[in-house]
Amino acid sequence: MFKSILAAFDGSEGAEAALRKAAELATLCEAELMVLTLYRHHSILEGSMFVIDAEKPDNIDEIMRDHAKDTAERGASIAKESGCENIRAFVKGGPTARTIVSFSKEHENDLIIMGSRGLGSIEGYLLGSVSHKVTSLSECPVLLV
């Protein structure tokens, strides 16, 4: 049925529930599961508003990328604990919904699974949720958990 499933994972409770469902479905279908975690680029002004650990004076993008990498690895561990064996984790930077959809196209995923609500931001209230945008932009089916 499905050969390649993409699970968008931001570490939230909703994303974890969706990831567990994705792992279950990937196992049933003997499909590959790709766990994708995203981070957003911050402008110099936004970066200057963050309190950065003096032990790690990297720029905010590097800190966000490292956090996303840790989150993706945690997602892969959760999927493995759920019984899925064929898992790959990815980290990408960019606008969330469009990056999920473009990643899915690039990797020819048959299905995108994601939580209906994630960590979000004020942007979600002003422009609509990421899950809504993904469902409207994606050419493949999207399952919201």
C-alpha atoms as a PDB file:
ATOM      1  CA  MET A   1       0.000   0.000   0.000  1.00  0.00           C
ATOM      2  CA  PHE A   2       2.520   2.628   1.171  1.00  0.00           C
ATOM      3  CA  LYS A   3       6.230   2.335   0.391  1.00  0.00           C
ATOM      4  CA  SER A   4       7.533   5.514   2.017  1.00  0.00           C
ATOM      5  CA  ILE A   5       5.926   7.447   4.877  1.00  0.00           C
ATOM      6  CA  LEU A   6       7.004  10.876   6.096  1.00  0.00           C
ATOM      7  CA  ALA A   7       6.383  11.786   9.733  1.00  0.00           C
ATOM      8  CA  ALA A   8       6.850  15.464  10.554  1.00  0.00           C
ATOM      9  CA  PHE A   9       8.081  15.581  14.168  1.00  0.00           C
ATOM     10  CA  ASP A  10       8.553  18.695  16.291  1.00  0.00           C
ATOM     11  CA  GLY A  11       8.732  16.997  19.687  1.00  0.00           C
ATOM     12  CA  SER A  12       5.235  18.017  20.795  1.00  0.00           C
ATOM     13  CA  GLU A  13       2.731  15.568  22.316  1.00  0.00           C
ATOM     14  CA  GLY A  14       0.626  15.678  19.145  1.00  0.00           C
ATOM     15  CA  ALA A  15       3.653  14.987  16.958  1.00  0.00           C
ATOM     16  CA  GLU A  16       4.646  12.071  19.174  1.00  0.00           C
ATOM     17  CA  ALA A  17       1.166  10.522  18.867  1.00  0.00           C
ATOM     18  CA  ALA A  18       1.343  10.989  15.082  1.00  0.00           C
ATOM     19  CA  LEU A  19       4.830   9.471  14.971  1.00  0.00           C
ATOM     20  CA  ARG A  20       3.680   6.394  16.889  1.00  0.00           C
ATOM     21  CA  LYS A  21       0.801   5.979  14.400  1.00  0.00           C
ATOM     22  CA  ALA A  22       3.256   6.450  11.494  1.00  0.00           C
ATOM     23  CA  ALA A  23       5.570   3.788  12.953  1.00  0.00           C
ATOM     24  CA  GLU A  24       2.645   1.392  13.336  1.00  0.00           C
ATOM     25  CA  LEU A  25       1.481   1.950   9.755  1.00  0.00           C
ATOM     26  CA  ALA A  26       5.028   1.735   8.344  1.00  0.00           C
ATOM     27  CA  THR A  27       5.500  -1.585  10.118  1.00  0.00           C
ATOM     28  CA  LEU A  28       2.187  -2.960   8.803  1.00  0.00           C
ATOM     29  CA  CYS A  29       2.990  -1.854   5.235  1.00  0.00           C
ATOM     30  CA  GLU A  30       6.687  -2.753   5.450  1.00  0.00           C
ATOM     31  CA  ALA A  31       7.331   0.842   4.389  1.00  0.00           C
ATOM     32  CA  GLU A  32      10.280   3.106   5.030  1.00  0.00           C
ATOM     33  CA  LEU A  33       9.595   5.737   7.701  1.00  0.00           C
ATOM     34  CA  MET A  34      11.267   9.120   7.346  1.00  0.00           C
ATOM     35  CA  VAL A  35      11.209  11.347  10.418  1.00  0.00           C
ATOM     36  CA  LEU A  36      11.599  15.025   9.515  1.00  0.00           C
ATOM     37  CA  THR A  37      12.325  17.768  12.042  1.00  0.00           C
ATOM     38  CA  LEU A  38      12.509  21.387  10.942  1.00  0.00           C
ATOM     39  CA  TYR A  39      14.054  24.524  12.313  1.00  0.00           C
ATOM     40  CA  ARG A  40      13.421  28.077  11.279  1.00  0.00           C
ATOM     41  CA  HIS A  41      16.112  30.561  10.270  1.00  0.00           C
ATOM     42  CA  HIS A  42      16.234  33.572  12.589  1.00  0.00           C
ATOM     43  CA  SER A  43      17.196  37.065  11.573  1.00  0.00           C
ATOM     44  CA  ILE A  44      19.986  38.888  13.391  1.00  0.00           C
ATOM     45  CA  LEU A  45      17.349  40.867  15.316  1.00  0.00           C
ATOM     46  CA  GLU A  46      15.481  37.726  16.397  1.00  0.00           C
ATOM     47  CA  GLY A  47      18.760  36.028  17.295  1.00  0.00           C
ATOM     48  CA  SER A  48      19.782  38.949  19.490  1.00  0.00           C
ATOM     49  CA  MET A  49      16.653  38.405  21.614  1.00  0.00           C
ATOM     50  CA  PHE A  50      17.662  34.862  22.614  1.00  0.00           C
ATOM     51  CA  VAL A  51      19.690  34.174  25.714  1.00  0.00           C
ATOM     52  CA  ILE A  52      22.585  32.086  24.482  1.00  0.00           C
ATOM     53  CA  ASP A  53      24.605  29.810  26.730  1.00  0.00           C
ATOM     54  CA  ALA A  54      28.043  31.344  27.341  1.00  0.00           C
ATOM     55  CA  GLU A  55      29.517  27.835  27.048  1.00  0.00           C
ATOM     56  CA  LYS A  56      28.184  27.589  23.483  1.00  0.00           C
ATOM     57  CA  PRO A  57      28.589  30.931  21.700  1.00  0.00           C
ATOM     58  CA  ASP A  58      27.385  29.596  18.307  1.00  0.00           C
ATOM     59  CA  ASN A  59      24.888  31.601  16.314  1.00  0.00           C
ATOM     60  CA  ILE A  60      21.177  30.978  16.844  1.00  0.00           C
ATOM     61  CA  ASP A  61      20.777  28.990  13.601  1.00  0.00           C
ATOM     62  CA  GLU A  62      23.413  26.486  14.730  1.00  0.00           C
ATOM     63  CA  ILE A  63      21.722  26.158  18.109  1.00  0.00           C
ATOM     64  CA  MET A  64      18.324  25.628  16.473  1.00  0.00           C
ATOM     65  CA  ARG A  65      19.788  23.082  14.026  1.00  0.00           C
ATOM     66  CA  ASP A  66      21.427  21.177  16.904  1.00  0.00           C
ATOM     67  CA  HIS A  67      18.135  21.158  18.813  1.00  0.00           C
ATOM     68  CA  ALA A  68      16.305  19.930  15.696  1.00  0.00           C
ATOM     69  CA  LYS A  69      18.898  17.165  15.266  1.00  0.00           C
ATOM     70  CA  ASP A  70      18.358  16.033  18.873  1.00  0.00           C
ATOM     71  CA  THR A  71      14.587  16.124  18.313  1.00  0.00           C
ATOM     72  CA  ALA A  72      14.852  14.082  15.087  1.00  0.00           C
ATOM     73  CA  GLU A  73      17.028  11.483  16.830  1.00  0.00           C
ATOM     74  CA  ARG A  74      14.490  11.288  19.670  1.00  0.00           C
ATOM     75  CA  GLY A  75      11.765  10.809  17.050  1.00  0.00           C
ATOM     76  CA  ALA A  76      13.683   7.954  15.433  1.00  0.00           C
ATOM     77  CA  SER A  77      14.083   6.333  18.875  1.00  0.00           C
ATOM     78  CA  ILE A  78      10.341   6.650  19.543  1.00  0.00           C
ATOM     79  CA  ALA A  79       9.581   5.038  16.173  1.00  0.00           C
ATOM     80  CA  LYS A  80      12.011   2.210  16.910  1.00  0.00           C
ATOM     81  CA  GLU A  81      10.430   1.671  20.355  1.00  0.00           C
ATOM     82  CA  SER A  82       7.075   1.459  18.540  1.00  0.00           C
ATOM     83  CA  GLY A  83       8.350  -1.513  16.542  1.00  0.00           C
ATOM     84  CA  CYS A  84       9.430   0.167  13.305  1.00  0.00           C
ATOM     85  CA  GLU A  85      12.771  -0.997  11.901  1.00  0.00           C
ATOM     86  CA  ASN A  86      13.206   0.920   8.615  1.00  0.00           C
ATOM     87  CA  ILE A  87      13.677   4.499   9.881  1.00  0.00           C
ATOM     88  CA  ARG A  88      15.704   7.476   8.692  1.00  0.00           C
ATOM     89  CA  ALA A  89      15.795  10.854  10.455  1.00  0.00           C
ATOM     90  CA  PHE A  90      16.309  14.191   8.689  1.00  0.00           C
ATOM     91  CA  VAL A  91      16.731  17.819   9.717  1.00  0.00           C
ATOM     92  CA  LYS A  92      15.889  20.716   7.408  1.00  0.00           C
ATOM     93  CA  GLY A  93      15.694  24.464   7.784  1.00  0.00           C
ATOM     94  CA  GLY A  94      13.029  26.603   6.187  1.00  0.00           C
ATOM     95  CA  PRO A  95       9.367  27.568   6.237  1.00  0.00           C
ATOM     96  CA  THR A  96       7.653  24.642   7.924  1.00  0.00           C
ATOM     97  CA  ALA A  97       4.713  23.678   5.693  1.00  0.00           C
ATOM     98  CA  ARG A  98       6.466  24.304   2.380  1.00  0.00           C
ATOM     99  CA  THR A  99       9.583  22.462   3.517  1.00  0.00           C
ATOM    100  CA  ILE A 100       7.538  19.421   4.590  1.00  0.00           C
ATOM    101  CA  VAL A 101       5.769  19.331   1.225  1.00  0.00           C
ATOM    102  CA  SER A 102       8.928  19.860  -0.845  1.00  0.00           C
ATOM    103  CA  PHE A 103      10.785  17.210   1.179  1.00  0.00           C
ATOM    104  CA  SER A 104       7.906  14.793   0.594  1.00  0.00           C
ATOM    105  CA  LYS A 105       7.999  15.427  -3.159  1.00  0.00           C
ATOM    106  CA  GLU A 106      11.786  15.115  -3.317  1.00  0.00           C
ATOM    107  CA  HIS A 107      11.743  11.770  -1.467  1.00  0.00           C
ATOM    108  CA  GLU A 108       8.599  10.508  -3.230  1.00  0.00           C
ATOM    109  CA  ASN A 109       6.731   9.804   0.014  1.00  0.00           C
ATOM    110  CA  ASP A 110       3.341   8.124  -0.410  1.00  0.00           C
ATOM    111  CA  LEU A 111       1.918   9.581   2.799  1.00  0.00           C
ATOM    112  CA  ILE A 112       2.611  12.409   5.242  1.00  0.00           C
ATOM    113  CA  ILE A 113       1.604  11.879   8.864  1.00  0.00           C
ATOM    114  CA  MET A 114       1.678  14.710  11.367  1.00  0.00           C
ATOM    115  CA  GLY A 115      -0.010  15.989  14.481  1.00  0.00           C
ATOM    116  CA  SER A 116      -2.961  18.297  13.984  1.00  0.00           C
ATOM    117  CA  ARG A 117      -1.379  20.669  16.502  1.00  0.00           C
ATOM    118  CA  GLY A 118       2.339  21.095  17.143  1.00  0.00           C
ATOM    119  CA  LEU A 119       4.548  23.509  19.005  1.00  0.00           C
ATOM    120  CA  GLY A 120       3.438  26.287  16.641  1.00  0.00           C
ATOM    121  CA  SER A 121       3.938  30.007  16.988  1.00  0.00           C
ATOM    122  CA  ILE A 122       2.002  33.236  16.739  1.00  0.00           C
ATOM    123  CA  GLU A 123       2.325  32.806  12.962  1.00  0.00           C
ATOM    124  CA  GLY A 124      -0.032  29.832  13.240  1.00  0.00           C
ATOM    125  CA  TYR A 125      -2.779  32.025  14.670  1.00  0.00           C
ATOM    126  CA  LEU A 126      -2.336  34.692  12.008  1.00  0.00           C
ATOM    127  CA  LEU A 127      -1.788  32.572   8.908  1.00  0.00           C
ATOM    128  CA  GLY A 128      -3.372  29.211   9.727  1.00  0.00           C
ATOM    129  CA  SER A 129      -1.858  26.063  11.125  1.00  0.00           C
ATOM    130  CA  VAL A 130       1.017  24.162   9.561  1.00  0.00           C
ATOM    131  CA  SER A 131      -1.129  21.034   9.271  1.00  0.00           C
ATOM    132  CA  HIS A 132      -3.772  22.967   7.339  1.00  0.00           C
ATOM    133  CA  LYS A 133      -1.144  24.357   4.954  1.00  0.00           C
ATOM    134  CA  VAL A 134       0.427  20.944   4.384  1.00  0.00           C
ATOM    135  CA  THR A 135      -2.949  19.383   3.555  1.00  0.00           C
ATOM    136  CA  SER A 136      -3.641  22.138   1.030  1.00  0.00           C
ATOM    137  CA  LEU A 137      -0.166  22.067  -0.606  1.00  0.00           C
ATOM    138  CA  SER A 138       0.610  18.341  -0.644  1.00  0.00           C
ATOM    139  CA  GLU A 139       0.036  16.176  -3.702  1.00  0.00           C
ATOM    140  CA  CYS A 140       0.104  12.998  -1.597  1.00  0.00           C
ATOM    141  CA  PRO A 141      -2.360  12.052   1.152  1.00  0.00           C
ATOM    142  CA  VAL A 142      -1.878  13.633   4.591  1.00  0.00           C
ATOM    143  CA  LEU A 143      -3.008  11.934   7.786  1.00  0.00           C
ATOM    144  CA  LEU A 144      -3.519  14.250  10.765  1.00  0.00           C
ATOM    145  CA  VAL A 145      -3.466  12.645  14.200  1.00  0.00           C
END
